[in-house]
């Protein structure tokens, strides 16, 4: 895929069959891929290769993925790290996010899920690599701060733009109100969570999403955009 030319991914995992499967799939998608089988090699190769995305396994002999992530983020490298973990536990997710991980995928996972996560990280952190991004019925131009929906330009406030961007980039993923507040309004936001509901309602009106088929509410969990 030509639009992915120049996007570099570093795979870090000590399981050869997983690495081989992912490498072939990602190369077929048009990504430039390098492989590291342990933590120390990952740090050295990351410095040399300067990847946009690092897919990093947690459980490795010697230096584990947590330490690799911490050291890479401490170095100031501009890269997005997706952790691979065998446990879907809150403690692991919190630990990963605390040390700087940008996302995580729980094993076993489908290749399509990983592709979706990689795509979301690229659109969020490296939009210039992709230019104008088309996601389902949406076209997003981050330089112009413009959203086009079914060929119609949406009239959005700056906050509505950032909220819709975050929802659409992470389409198919359930996002809690707390997560949305952190990512769109910022960690130091001192207002109420119901501000999210107010803006979601406004976006639904502008998208003519009267039946909530585009922006879905999952009671007790959050919101999810279905495209």
N, C-alpha and C. Protein backbone atom coordinates (compact mmCIF):
# COMPACT_ATOMS: atom_id res chain seq x y z
N UNK A 1 0.84 -1.19 0.00
CA UNK A 1 0.00 0.00 0.00
C UNK A 1 0.88 1.24 0.00
N UNK A 2 0.83 2.03 -1.07
CA UNK A 2 1.74 3.16 -1.22
C UNK A 2 1.61 4.19 -0.12
N UNK A 3 0.37 4.36 0.43
CA UNK A 3 0.20 5.41 1.44
C UNK A 3 0.87 5.08 2.75
N UNK A 4 1.38 3.84 2.87
CA UNK A 4 2.09 3.46 4.09
C UNK A 4 3.60 3.44 3.87
N UNK A 5 4.05 3.78 2.69
CA UNK A 5 5.47 3.77 2.39
C UNK A 5 6.20 4.73 3.32
N UNK A 6 7.26 4.24 3.94
CA UNK A 6 8.03 5.09 4.84
C UNK A 6 7.66 4.95 6.29
N UNK A 7 6.58 4.21 6.58
CA UNK A 7 6.18 3.98 7.97
C UNK A 7 6.98 2.80 8.51
N UNK A 8 7.71 3.04 9.60
CA UNK A 8 8.63 2.03 10.12
C UNK A 8 8.11 1.43 11.43
N UNK A 9 8.15 0.10 11.49
CA UNK A 9 7.67 -0.62 12.67
C UNK A 9 8.77 -1.56 13.18
N UNK A 10 8.99 -1.50 14.48
CA UNK A 10 9.93 -2.41 15.14
C UNK A 10 9.13 -3.44 15.94
N UNK A 11 9.33 -4.73 15.63
CA UNK A 11 8.69 -5.82 16.36
C UNK A 11 9.66 -6.36 17.40
N UNK A 12 9.20 -6.46 18.65
CA UNK A 12 10.05 -6.97 19.72
C UNK A 12 9.34 -8.11 20.42
N UNK A 13 9.81 -9.33 20.20
CA UNK A 13 9.19 -10.52 20.80
C UNK A 13 10.19 -11.65 20.70
N UNK A 14 10.24 -12.50 21.73
CA UNK A 14 11.20 -13.61 21.72
C UNK A 14 10.59 -14.90 21.18
N UNK A 15 9.35 -14.84 20.71
CA UNK A 15 8.70 -16.03 20.15
C UNK A 15 8.77 -15.97 18.63
N UNK A 16 9.62 -16.81 18.01
CA UNK A 16 9.88 -16.73 16.56
C UNK A 16 8.62 -16.85 15.70
N UNK A 17 7.69 -17.74 16.07
CA UNK A 17 6.51 -17.95 15.21
C UNK A 17 5.61 -16.71 15.20
N UNK A 18 5.53 -16.02 16.32
CA UNK A 18 4.72 -14.79 16.38
C UNK A 18 5.37 -13.70 15.55
N UNK A 19 6.69 -13.54 15.72
CA UNK A 19 7.43 -12.51 14.99
C UNK A 19 7.32 -12.73 13.48
N UNK A 20 7.49 -13.97 13.05
CA UNK A 20 7.44 -14.27 11.61
C UNK A 20 6.06 -13.97 11.04
N UNK A 21 5.02 -14.36 11.76
CA UNK A 21 3.65 -14.12 11.32
C UNK A 21 3.37 -12.62 11.18
N UNK A 22 3.75 -11.87 12.20
CA UNK A 22 3.51 -10.42 12.18
C UNK A 22 4.36 -9.72 11.12
N UNK A 23 5.61 -10.13 11.00
CA UNK A 23 6.50 -9.50 10.01
C UNK A 23 5.94 -9.65 8.60
N UNK A 24 5.54 -10.86 8.23
CA UNK A 24 5.01 -11.10 6.88
C UNK A 24 3.75 -10.28 6.63
N UNK A 25 2.87 -10.27 7.64
CA UNK A 25 1.62 -9.53 7.48
C UNK A 25 1.85 -8.03 7.34
N UNK A 26 2.73 -7.47 8.15
CA UNK A 26 2.99 -6.03 8.12
C UNK A 26 3.72 -5.61 6.85
N UNK A 27 4.66 -6.42 6.39
CA UNK A 27 5.35 -6.13 5.13
C UNK A 27 4.35 -6.15 3.97
N UNK A 28 3.42 -7.10 4.01
CA UNK A 28 2.39 -7.19 2.99
C UNK A 28 1.49 -5.96 2.98
N UNK A 29 1.35 -5.32 4.14
CA UNK A 29 0.54 -4.10 4.26
C UNK A 29 1.30 -2.87 3.80
N UNK A 30 2.60 -3.02 3.54
CA UNK A 30 3.38 -1.90 3.03
C UNK A 30 4.30 -1.25 4.04
N UNK A 31 4.38 -1.81 5.26
CA UNK A 31 5.23 -1.24 6.30
C UNK A 31 6.68 -1.70 6.14
N UNK A 32 7.60 -0.88 6.61
CA UNK A 32 9.01 -1.26 6.70
C UNK A 32 9.22 -1.84 8.10
N UNK A 33 9.72 -3.07 8.19
CA UNK A 33 9.73 -3.79 9.47
C UNK A 33 11.14 -4.23 9.84
N UNK A 34 11.47 -4.08 11.13
CA UNK A 34 12.69 -4.64 11.70
C UNK A 34 12.30 -5.47 12.92
N UNK A 35 13.17 -6.39 13.31
CA UNK A 35 12.86 -7.32 14.40
C UNK A 35 13.95 -7.32 15.45
N UNK A 36 13.52 -7.37 16.72
CA UNK A 36 14.44 -7.57 17.85
C UNK A 36 13.87 -8.69 18.70
N UNK A 37 14.74 -9.57 19.20
CA UNK A 37 14.28 -10.72 19.95
C UNK A 37 14.48 -10.58 21.46
N UNK A 38 15.08 -9.48 21.89
CA UNK A 38 15.25 -9.26 23.32
C UNK A 38 15.31 -7.76 23.59
N UNK A 39 15.25 -7.40 24.87
CA UNK A 39 15.16 -6.01 25.25
C UNK A 39 16.34 -5.16 24.86
N UNK A 40 17.54 -5.65 25.12
CA UNK A 40 18.74 -4.87 24.83
C UNK A 40 18.88 -4.61 23.33
N UNK A 41 18.62 -5.65 22.55
CA UNK A 41 18.67 -5.51 21.09
C UNK A 41 17.61 -4.52 20.61
N UNK A 42 16.46 -4.52 21.28
CA UNK A 42 15.37 -3.61 20.92
C UNK A 42 15.78 -2.16 21.12
N UNK A 43 16.44 -1.87 22.24
CA UNK A 43 16.86 -0.49 22.53
C UNK A 43 17.90 -0.02 21.51
N UNK A 44 18.86 -0.88 21.21
CA UNK A 44 19.90 -0.52 20.24
C UNK A 44 19.32 -0.33 18.84
N UNK A 45 18.43 -1.24 18.44
CA UNK A 45 17.85 -1.17 17.10
C UNK A 45 16.90 0.03 16.97
N UNK A 46 16.19 0.34 18.05
CA UNK A 46 15.28 1.49 18.02
C UNK A 46 16.06 2.79 17.80
N UNK A 47 17.20 2.90 18.45
CA UNK A 47 18.03 4.10 18.28
C UNK A 47 18.54 4.24 16.85
N UNK A 48 18.84 3.12 16.23
CA UNK A 48 19.37 3.12 14.87
C UNK A 48 18.25 3.28 13.83
N UNK A 49 17.13 2.58 14.03
CA UNK A 49 16.05 2.48 13.04
C UNK A 49 15.05 3.64 13.15
N UNK A 50 14.90 4.19 14.36
CA UNK A 50 13.95 5.29 14.62
C UNK A 50 12.54 4.94 14.11
N UNK A 51 11.94 3.90 14.67
CA UNK A 51 10.62 3.47 14.19
C UNK A 51 9.51 4.42 14.62
N UNK A 52 8.46 4.47 13.82
CA UNK A 52 7.28 5.24 14.20
C UNK A 52 6.46 4.46 15.23
N UNK A 53 6.41 3.13 15.06
CA UNK A 53 5.65 2.25 15.94
C UNK A 53 6.55 1.13 16.46
N UNK A 54 6.45 0.84 17.76
CA UNK A 54 7.13 -0.32 18.32
C UNK A 54 6.07 -1.25 18.91
N UNK A 55 6.03 -2.47 18.42
CA UNK A 55 5.14 -3.50 18.97
C UNK A 55 6.00 -4.32 19.93
N UNK A 56 5.72 -4.20 21.22
CA UNK A 56 6.64 -4.66 22.25
C UNK A 56 6.00 -5.68 23.19
N UNK A 57 6.54 -6.89 23.19
CA UNK A 57 6.04 -7.94 24.10
C UNK A 57 6.50 -7.64 25.53
N UNK A 58 5.64 -7.92 26.49
CA UNK A 58 5.97 -7.67 27.90
C UNK A 58 6.92 -8.74 28.43
N UNK A 59 6.56 -10.01 28.23
CA UNK A 59 7.30 -11.11 28.83
C UNK A 59 8.45 -11.56 27.94
N UNK A 60 9.66 -11.14 28.29
CA UNK A 60 10.86 -11.56 27.58
C UNK A 60 11.96 -11.86 28.59
N UNK A 61 12.88 -12.75 28.25
CA UNK A 61 13.98 -13.05 29.17
C UNK A 61 14.91 -11.85 29.31
N UNK A 62 15.52 -11.72 30.48
CA UNK A 62 16.41 -10.59 30.71
C UNK A 62 15.61 -9.33 30.95
N UNK A 63 15.81 -8.34 30.12
CA UNK A 63 15.09 -7.07 30.24
C UNK A 63 13.67 -7.24 29.69
N UNK A 64 12.67 -7.06 30.55
CA UNK A 64 11.30 -7.26 30.07
C UNK A 64 10.78 -6.02 29.33
N UNK A 65 9.57 -6.16 28.76
CA UNK A 65 9.00 -5.09 27.96
C UNK A 65 8.74 -3.81 28.73
N UNK A 66 8.38 -3.94 30.02
CA UNK A 66 8.13 -2.75 30.84
C UNK A 66 9.38 -1.87 30.91
N UNK A 67 10.53 -2.52 31.16
CA UNK A 67 11.78 -1.78 31.29
C UNK A 67 12.21 -1.18 29.95
N UNK A 68 12.00 -1.94 28.87
CA UNK A 68 12.33 -1.42 27.54
C UNK A 68 11.50 -0.18 27.25
N UNK A 69 10.21 -0.25 27.53
CA UNK A 69 9.32 0.88 27.30
C UNK A 69 9.76 2.09 28.12
N UNK A 70 10.06 1.86 29.39
CA UNK A 70 10.46 2.96 30.27
C UNK A 70 11.72 3.65 29.75
N UNK A 71 12.70 2.85 29.33
CA UNK A 71 13.97 3.41 28.86
C UNK A 71 13.80 4.16 27.54
N UNK A 72 12.99 3.62 26.65
CA UNK A 72 12.78 4.27 25.35
C UNK A 72 12.07 5.61 25.53
N UNK A 73 11.06 5.63 26.40
CA UNK A 73 10.33 6.88 26.62
C UNK A 73 11.21 7.90 27.34
N UNK A 74 12.05 7.41 28.26
CA UNK A 74 12.95 8.30 28.98
C UNK A 74 13.97 8.94 28.04
N UNK A 75 14.30 8.22 26.98
CA UNK A 75 15.29 8.73 26.02
C UNK A 75 14.74 9.88 25.18
N UNK A 76 13.42 10.05 25.21
CA UNK A 76 12.80 11.12 24.44
C UNK A 76 12.51 10.76 22.99
N UNK A 77 12.66 9.49 22.64
CA UNK A 77 12.40 9.06 21.27
C UNK A 77 10.93 9.28 20.91
N UNK A 78 10.70 9.85 19.74
CA UNK A 78 9.33 10.11 19.29
C UNK A 78 8.81 8.86 18.58
N UNK A 79 8.25 7.97 19.36
CA UNK A 79 7.71 6.73 18.82
C UNK A 79 6.48 6.34 19.61
N UNK A 80 5.63 5.54 19.00
CA UNK A 80 4.42 5.06 19.67
C UNK A 80 4.60 3.59 20.02
N UNK A 81 4.37 3.24 21.28
CA UNK A 81 4.63 1.87 21.75
C UNK A 81 3.32 1.15 22.04
N UNK A 82 3.14 0.02 21.38
CA UNK A 82 1.99 -0.85 21.62
C UNK A 82 2.49 -2.09 22.35
N UNK A 83 2.04 -2.29 23.57
CA UNK A 83 2.48 -3.43 24.38
C UNK A 83 1.65 -4.68 24.06
N UNK A 84 2.32 -5.82 24.00
CA UNK A 84 1.64 -7.11 23.88
C UNK A 84 1.69 -7.79 25.23
N UNK A 85 0.54 -8.10 25.80
CA UNK A 85 0.51 -8.72 27.12
C UNK A 85 -0.42 -9.93 27.12
N UNK A 86 -0.08 -10.92 27.93
CA UNK A 86 -0.89 -12.13 28.02
C UNK A 86 -2.00 -11.99 29.04
N UNK A 87 -2.00 -10.88 29.80
CA UNK A 87 -2.99 -10.69 30.86
C UNK A 87 -3.79 -9.42 30.65
N UNK A 88 -5.10 -9.58 30.64
CA UNK A 88 -5.97 -8.41 30.50
C UNK A 88 -6.38 -7.95 31.90
N UNK A 89 -5.42 -7.39 32.61
CA UNK A 89 -5.68 -6.95 33.98
C UNK A 89 -5.46 -5.46 34.11
N UNK A 90 -6.26 -4.83 34.95
CA UNK A 90 -6.19 -3.39 35.13
C UNK A 90 -4.79 -2.96 35.55
N UNK A 91 -4.17 -3.73 36.45
CA UNK A 91 -2.85 -3.37 36.96
C UNK A 91 -1.83 -3.28 35.82
N UNK A 92 -1.90 -4.22 34.87
CA UNK A 92 -0.96 -4.22 33.75
C UNK A 92 -1.19 -3.01 32.85
N UNK A 93 -2.47 -2.70 32.61
CA UNK A 93 -2.78 -1.55 31.75
C UNK A 93 -2.31 -0.25 32.40
N UNK A 94 -2.56 -0.12 33.69
CA UNK A 94 -2.15 1.08 34.41
C UNK A 94 -0.63 1.21 34.41
N UNK A 95 0.05 0.10 34.65
CA UNK A 95 1.51 0.11 34.68
C UNK A 95 2.06 0.54 33.32
N UNK A 96 1.50 -0.03 32.24
CA UNK A 96 1.97 0.30 30.91
C UNK A 96 1.78 1.77 30.58
N UNK A 97 0.59 2.29 30.89
CA UNK A 97 0.30 3.70 30.59
C UNK A 97 1.14 4.63 31.45
N UNK A 98 1.42 4.20 32.68
CA UNK A 98 2.21 5.03 33.60
C UNK A 98 3.65 5.20 33.10
N UNK A 99 4.21 4.15 32.51
CA UNK A 99 5.60 4.25 32.05
C UNK A 99 5.70 4.75 30.61
N UNK A 100 4.54 5.04 30.00
CA UNK A 100 4.61 5.69 28.69
C UNK A 100 4.08 4.90 27.51
N UNK A 101 3.57 3.67 27.72
CA UNK A 101 3.00 2.91 26.61
C UNK A 101 1.79 3.66 26.05
N UNK A 102 1.59 3.58 24.75
CA UNK A 102 0.49 4.30 24.11
C UNK A 102 -0.74 3.44 23.92
N UNK A 103 -0.58 2.12 23.89
CA UNK A 103 -1.71 1.22 23.72
C UNK A 103 -1.25 -0.18 24.10
N UNK A 104 -2.20 -1.10 24.17
CA UNK A 104 -1.83 -2.48 24.47
C UNK A 104 -2.79 -3.43 23.76
N UNK A 105 -2.30 -4.62 23.47
CA UNK A 105 -3.09 -5.68 22.85
C UNK A 105 -2.90 -6.94 23.68
N UNK A 106 -4.00 -7.60 23.98
CA UNK A 106 -3.94 -8.81 24.81
C UNK A 106 -3.82 -10.06 23.94
N UNK A 107 -2.85 -10.92 24.25
CA UNK A 107 -2.70 -12.20 23.57
C UNK A 107 -3.76 -13.19 24.07
N UNK A 108 -4.28 -14.05 23.21
CA UNK A 108 -4.10 -14.06 21.75
C UNK A 108 -4.91 -12.96 21.08
N UNK A 109 -4.42 -12.44 19.97
CA UNK A 109 -5.10 -11.36 19.28
C UNK A 109 -5.12 -11.66 17.79
N UNK A 110 -6.03 -11.03 17.08
CA UNK A 110 -6.08 -11.20 15.63
C UNK A 110 -5.16 -10.18 14.97
N UNK A 111 -4.66 -10.51 13.80
CA UNK A 111 -3.80 -9.59 13.07
C UNK A 111 -4.57 -8.32 12.72
N UNK A 112 -5.87 -8.47 12.44
CA UNK A 112 -6.71 -7.32 12.10
C UNK A 112 -6.80 -6.35 13.27
N UNK A 113 -6.86 -6.88 14.49
CA UNK A 113 -6.92 -6.00 15.66
C UNK A 113 -5.62 -5.19 15.78
N UNK A 114 -4.49 -5.87 15.61
CA UNK A 114 -3.22 -5.16 15.70
C UNK A 114 -3.11 -4.10 14.62
N UNK A 115 -3.54 -4.42 13.40
CA UNK A 115 -3.52 -3.43 12.32
C UNK A 115 -4.35 -2.20 12.67
N UNK A 116 -5.51 -2.45 13.28
CA UNK A 116 -6.38 -1.34 13.67
C UNK A 116 -5.70 -0.46 14.72
N UNK A 117 -5.03 -1.10 15.68
CA UNK A 117 -4.32 -0.35 16.73
C UNK A 117 -3.16 0.46 16.13
N UNK A 118 -2.42 -0.15 15.21
CA UNK A 118 -1.32 0.54 14.55
C UNK A 118 -1.85 1.74 13.76
N UNK A 119 -2.93 1.51 13.03
CA UNK A 119 -3.53 2.59 12.25
C UNK A 119 -3.98 3.74 13.12
N UNK A 120 -4.56 3.41 14.27
CA UNK A 120 -5.02 4.45 15.20
C UNK A 120 -3.86 5.26 15.74
N UNK A 121 -2.76 4.58 16.09
CA UNK A 121 -1.59 5.30 16.61
C UNK A 121 -0.98 6.21 15.54
N UNK A 122 -0.93 5.74 14.30
CA UNK A 122 -0.37 6.56 13.23
C UNK A 122 -1.23 7.79 12.99
N UNK A 123 -2.54 7.60 12.95
CA UNK A 123 -3.43 8.74 12.70
C UNK A 123 -3.37 9.74 13.84
N UNK A 124 -3.14 9.23 15.04
CA UNK A 124 -3.13 10.10 16.22
C UNK A 124 -1.80 10.83 16.39
N UNK A 125 -0.68 10.13 16.18
CA UNK A 125 0.63 10.70 16.47
C UNK A 125 1.44 11.12 15.24
N UNK A 126 1.12 10.52 14.08
CA UNK A 126 1.90 10.82 12.87
C UNK A 126 0.98 11.10 11.68
N UNK A 127 0.01 12.00 11.82
CA UNK A 127 -0.93 12.24 10.73
C UNK A 127 -0.27 12.73 9.45
N UNK A 128 0.86 13.41 9.56
CA UNK A 128 1.54 13.93 8.37
C UNK A 128 2.02 12.80 7.45
N UNK A 129 2.27 11.63 8.03
CA UNK A 129 2.70 10.48 7.23
C UNK A 129 1.59 10.01 6.30
N UNK A 130 0.37 10.21 6.73
CA UNK A 130 -0.77 9.69 5.99
C UNK A 130 -1.49 10.75 5.17
N UNK A 131 -1.15 12.04 5.39
CA UNK A 131 -1.84 13.11 4.68
C UNK A 131 -3.29 13.20 5.13
N UNK A 132 -4.18 13.46 4.19
CA UNK A 132 -5.60 13.46 4.51
C UNK A 132 -6.04 12.02 4.73
N UNK A 133 -6.65 11.78 5.86
CA UNK A 133 -7.00 10.41 6.24
C UNK A 133 -8.48 10.15 5.96
N UNK A 134 -8.77 9.05 5.31
CA UNK A 134 -10.15 8.63 5.09
C UNK A 134 -10.44 7.44 5.99
N UNK A 135 -11.48 7.59 6.80
CA UNK A 135 -11.90 6.52 7.72
C UNK A 135 -13.40 6.34 7.54
N UNK A 136 -13.79 5.27 6.86
CA UNK A 136 -15.21 5.06 6.61
C UNK A 136 -15.79 6.24 5.84
N UNK A 137 -16.90 6.82 6.32
CA UNK A 137 -17.52 7.96 5.64
C UNK A 137 -16.87 9.31 5.97
N UNK A 138 -15.81 9.27 6.78
CA UNK A 138 -15.14 10.50 7.20
C UNK A 138 -13.85 10.75 6.43
N UNK A 139 -13.58 12.03 6.15
CA UNK A 139 -12.26 12.45 5.70
C UNK A 139 -11.76 13.50 6.67
N UNK A 140 -10.57 13.28 7.16
CA UNK A 140 -9.99 14.14 8.20
C UNK A 140 -8.73 14.80 7.68
N UNK A 141 -8.71 16.13 7.74
CA UNK A 141 -7.51 16.89 7.40
C UNK A 141 -7.08 17.63 8.66
N UNK A 142 -6.06 17.10 9.33
CA UNK A 142 -5.68 17.65 10.63
C UNK A 142 -5.01 19.02 10.50
N UNK A 143 -4.37 19.27 9.36
CA UNK A 143 -3.74 20.58 9.18
C UNK A 143 -4.79 21.68 9.10
N UNK A 144 -5.88 21.40 8.40
CA UNK A 144 -6.96 22.37 8.26
C UNK A 144 -7.97 22.28 9.41
N UNK A 145 -7.80 21.25 10.27
CA UNK A 145 -8.77 21.00 11.34
C UNK A 145 -10.17 20.87 10.74
N UNK A 146 -10.24 20.02 9.71
CA UNK A 146 -11.48 19.89 8.95
C UNK A 146 -11.95 18.44 8.90
N UNK A 147 -13.24 18.24 9.13
CA UNK A 147 -13.88 16.94 9.02
C UNK A 147 -14.91 17.00 7.89
N UNK A 148 -14.84 16.04 6.98
CA UNK A 148 -15.84 15.91 5.92
C UNK A 148 -16.56 14.60 6.14
N UNK A 149 -17.88 14.67 6.19
CA UNK A 149 -18.71 13.49 6.46
C UNK A 149 -19.69 13.34 5.31
N UNK A 150 -19.56 12.20 4.57
CA UNK A 150 -20.39 11.98 3.38
C UNK A 150 -20.34 13.20 2.45
N UNK A 151 -19.09 13.66 2.23
CA UNK A 151 -18.79 14.77 1.30
C UNK A 151 -19.32 16.12 1.77
N UNK A 152 -19.74 16.24 3.01
CA UNK A 152 -20.19 17.51 3.56
C UNK A 152 -19.25 17.95 4.69
N UNK A 153 -18.78 19.20 4.60
CA UNK A 153 -17.90 19.72 5.66
C UNK A 153 -18.73 19.96 6.92
N UNK A 154 -18.25 19.42 8.04
CA UNK A 154 -18.94 19.59 9.31
C UNK A 154 -18.50 20.90 9.98
N UNK A 155 -19.47 21.64 10.47
CA UNK A 155 -19.17 22.86 11.21
C UNK A 155 -18.98 22.48 12.68
N UNK A 156 -17.72 22.43 13.11
CA UNK A 156 -17.40 21.95 14.46
C UNK A 156 -16.62 23.00 15.23
N UNK A 157 -16.89 23.07 16.53
CA UNK A 157 -16.05 23.88 17.40
C UNK A 157 -14.72 23.15 17.59
N UNK A 158 -13.67 23.83 18.07
CA UNK A 158 -12.39 23.15 18.29
C UNK A 158 -12.49 21.91 19.17
N UNK A 159 -13.31 21.99 20.23
CA UNK A 159 -13.45 20.82 21.12
C UNK A 159 -14.22 19.71 20.44
N UNK A 160 -15.27 20.06 19.69
CA UNK A 160 -16.02 19.04 18.94
C UNK A 160 -15.11 18.34 17.94
N UNK A 161 -14.25 19.12 17.28
CA UNK A 161 -13.31 18.54 16.32
C UNK A 161 -12.40 17.52 16.99
N UNK A 162 -11.80 17.91 18.13
CA UNK A 162 -10.87 17.01 18.82
C UNK A 162 -11.59 15.77 19.35
N UNK A 163 -12.81 15.93 19.82
CA UNK A 163 -13.57 14.79 20.32
C UNK A 163 -13.92 13.83 19.19
N UNK A 164 -14.44 14.36 18.09
CA UNK A 164 -14.80 13.50 16.96
C UNK A 164 -13.56 12.81 16.39
N UNK A 165 -12.46 13.56 16.32
CA UNK A 165 -11.20 12.98 15.84
C UNK A 165 -10.80 11.79 16.71
N UNK A 166 -10.85 11.96 18.01
CA UNK A 166 -10.44 10.88 18.93
C UNK A 166 -11.37 9.67 18.79
N UNK A 167 -12.67 9.92 18.68
CA UNK A 167 -13.64 8.83 18.54
C UNK A 167 -13.45 8.08 17.23
N UNK A 168 -13.28 8.82 16.15
CA UNK A 168 -13.18 8.19 14.83
C UNK A 168 -11.87 7.45 14.65
N UNK A 169 -10.78 8.06 15.11
CA UNK A 169 -9.48 7.39 15.01
C UNK A 169 -9.50 6.06 15.75
N UNK A 170 -10.22 6.02 16.87
CA UNK A 170 -10.30 4.80 17.68
C UNK A 170 -11.60 4.05 17.44
N UNK A 171 -12.12 4.14 16.22
CA UNK A 171 -13.40 3.48 15.92
C UNK A 171 -13.31 1.97 16.20
N UNK A 172 -14.41 1.45 16.69
CA UNK A 172 -14.46 0.03 17.05
C UNK A 172 -13.96 -0.26 18.45
N UNK A 173 -13.41 0.74 19.13
CA UNK A 173 -12.88 0.58 20.48
C UNK A 173 -13.78 1.31 21.46
N UNK A 174 -14.14 0.65 22.56
CA UNK A 174 -14.98 1.28 23.58
C UNK A 174 -14.11 2.24 24.39
N UNK A 175 -14.55 3.49 24.48
CA UNK A 175 -13.80 4.53 25.18
C UNK A 175 -14.63 5.04 26.35
N UNK A 176 -14.09 4.95 27.55
CA UNK A 176 -14.81 5.40 28.74
C UNK A 176 -14.83 6.92 28.80
N UNK A 177 -15.75 7.46 29.60
CA UNK A 177 -15.82 8.92 29.77
C UNK A 177 -14.50 9.45 30.35
N UNK A 178 -13.94 8.71 31.30
CA UNK A 178 -12.68 9.14 31.92
C UNK A 178 -11.56 9.22 30.90
N UNK A 179 -11.47 8.21 30.04
CA UNK A 179 -10.44 8.19 29.00
C UNK A 179 -10.63 9.36 28.04
N UNK A 180 -11.89 9.60 27.64
CA UNK A 180 -12.17 10.70 26.72
C UNK A 180 -11.80 12.04 27.35
N UNK A 181 -12.15 12.22 28.61
CA UNK A 181 -11.79 13.47 29.31
C UNK A 181 -10.28 13.67 29.31
N UNK A 182 -9.55 12.60 29.63
CA UNK A 182 -8.08 12.69 29.69
C UNK A 182 -7.49 13.06 28.34
N UNK A 183 -7.97 12.41 27.28
CA UNK A 183 -7.37 12.58 25.96
C UNK A 183 -7.82 13.85 25.24
N UNK A 184 -9.06 14.27 25.46
CA UNK A 184 -9.59 15.43 24.74
C UNK A 184 -9.50 16.71 25.55
N UNK A 185 -9.88 16.63 26.82
CA UNK A 185 -9.87 17.83 27.67
C UNK A 185 -8.57 18.00 28.45
N UNK A 186 -7.86 16.87 28.67
CA UNK A 186 -6.59 16.94 29.38
C UNK A 186 -6.70 16.46 30.81
N UNK A 187 -5.58 15.97 31.35
CA UNK A 187 -5.55 15.38 32.69
C UNK A 187 -5.90 16.38 33.79
N UNK A 188 -5.66 17.67 33.52
CA UNK A 188 -5.91 18.67 34.55
C UNK A 188 -7.31 19.28 34.46
N UNK A 189 -8.17 18.68 33.63
CA UNK A 189 -9.53 19.20 33.51
C UNK A 189 -10.27 19.02 34.83
N UNK A 190 -10.86 20.11 35.33
CA UNK A 190 -11.49 20.05 36.65
C UNK A 190 -13.00 20.02 36.60
N UNK A 191 -13.58 19.86 35.40
CA UNK A 191 -15.03 19.87 35.27
C UNK A 191 -15.67 18.52 35.52
N UNK A 192 -16.95 18.43 35.18
CA UNK A 192 -17.72 17.21 35.40
C UNK A 192 -17.68 16.30 34.17
N UNK A 193 -17.84 14.98 34.43
CA UNK A 193 -17.84 14.02 33.34
C UNK A 193 -18.99 14.23 32.38
N UNK A 194 -20.09 14.82 32.85
CA UNK A 194 -21.26 14.96 31.97
C UNK A 194 -21.00 15.92 30.81
N UNK A 195 -19.87 16.64 30.83
CA UNK A 195 -19.52 17.47 29.69
C UNK A 195 -19.34 16.62 28.45
N UNK A 196 -18.89 15.36 28.64
CA UNK A 196 -18.73 14.44 27.51
C UNK A 196 -20.09 14.16 26.88
N UNK A 197 -21.10 13.90 27.71
CA UNK A 197 -22.44 13.63 27.20
C UNK A 197 -22.97 14.81 26.39
N UNK A 198 -22.72 16.02 26.87
CA UNK A 198 -23.19 17.22 26.19
C UNK A 198 -22.58 17.31 24.78
N UNK A 199 -21.29 17.07 24.68
CA UNK A 199 -20.62 17.17 23.39
C UNK A 199 -20.98 16.00 22.47
N UNK A 200 -21.16 14.82 23.04
CA UNK A 200 -21.60 13.67 22.24
C UNK A 200 -22.96 13.98 21.62
N UNK A 201 -23.85 14.55 22.41
CA UNK A 201 -25.19 14.89 21.92
C UNK A 201 -25.09 15.89 20.76
N UNK A 202 -24.20 16.88 20.90
CA UNK A 202 -24.02 17.86 19.84
C UNK A 202 -23.48 17.22 18.57
N UNK A 203 -22.52 16.32 18.72
CA UNK A 203 -21.96 15.64 17.55
C UNK A 203 -23.02 14.78 16.86
N UNK A 204 -23.82 14.09 17.63
CA UNK A 204 -24.89 13.28 17.03
C UNK A 204 -25.86 14.15 16.22
N UNK A 205 -26.16 15.32 16.73
CA UNK A 205 -27.05 16.23 16.01
C UNK A 205 -26.43 16.63 14.67
N UNK A 206 -25.14 16.96 14.68
CA UNK A 206 -24.47 17.42 13.46
C UNK A 206 -24.23 16.29 12.46
N UNK A 207 -24.18 15.06 12.98
CA UNK A 207 -24.01 13.89 12.12
C UNK A 207 -25.34 13.26 11.73
N UNK A 208 -26.44 13.85 12.21
CA UNK A 208 -27.79 13.32 11.99
C UNK A 208 -27.88 11.86 12.46
N UNK A 209 -27.22 11.60 13.58
CA UNK A 209 -27.15 10.25 14.15
C UNK A 209 -28.27 10.08 15.19
N UNK A 210 -29.51 10.19 14.74
CA UNK A 210 -30.64 10.19 15.67
C UNK A 210 -30.83 8.85 16.37
N UNK A 211 -30.48 7.77 15.70
CA UNK A 211 -30.67 6.43 16.27
C UNK A 211 -29.40 5.90 16.94
N UNK A 212 -28.39 6.73 17.03
CA UNK A 212 -27.14 6.39 17.72
C UNK A 212 -26.47 5.15 17.11
N UNK A 213 -26.56 5.03 15.80
CA UNK A 213 -25.92 3.90 15.13
C UNK A 213 -24.45 4.17 14.81
N UNK A 214 -24.09 5.44 14.75
CA UNK A 214 -22.70 5.81 14.46
C UNK A 214 -21.91 5.96 15.76
N UNK A 215 -22.41 6.78 16.65
CA UNK A 215 -21.78 6.92 17.98
C UNK A 215 -22.67 6.18 18.97
N UNK A 216 -22.22 5.02 19.36
CA UNK A 216 -23.03 4.17 20.24
C UNK A 216 -22.68 4.39 21.71
N UNK A 217 -23.70 4.32 22.54
CA UNK A 217 -23.50 4.37 24.00
C UNK A 217 -23.55 2.95 24.54
N UNK A 218 -22.51 2.55 25.25
CA UNK A 218 -22.49 1.26 25.92
C UNK A 218 -22.61 1.52 27.41
N UNK A 219 -23.79 1.26 27.92
CA UNK A 219 -24.09 1.62 29.30
C UNK A 219 -23.06 1.06 30.29
N UNK A 220 -22.52 1.94 31.11
CA UNK A 220 -21.55 1.54 32.11
C UNK A 220 -20.14 1.37 31.57
N UNK A 221 -19.97 1.51 30.25
CA UNK A 221 -18.64 1.30 29.65
C UNK A 221 -18.12 2.55 28.95
N UNK A 222 -19.01 3.21 28.18
CA UNK A 222 -18.55 4.41 27.46
C UNK A 222 -19.18 4.52 26.10
N UNK A 223 -18.37 4.97 25.12
CA UNK A 223 -18.87 5.21 23.77
C UNK A 223 -17.98 4.49 22.76
N UNK A 224 -18.60 4.17 21.60
CA UNK A 224 -17.84 3.52 20.53
C UNK A 224 -18.39 3.99 19.19
N UNK A 225 -17.50 4.38 18.30
CA UNK A 225 -17.90 4.72 16.94
C UNK A 225 -17.87 3.46 16.09
N UNK A 226 -18.98 3.17 15.43
CA UNK A 226 -19.06 2.03 14.52
C UNK A 226 -19.12 2.54 13.08
N UNK A 227 -18.16 2.10 12.29
CA UNK A 227 -18.09 2.52 10.88
C UNK A 227 -18.23 1.31 9.98
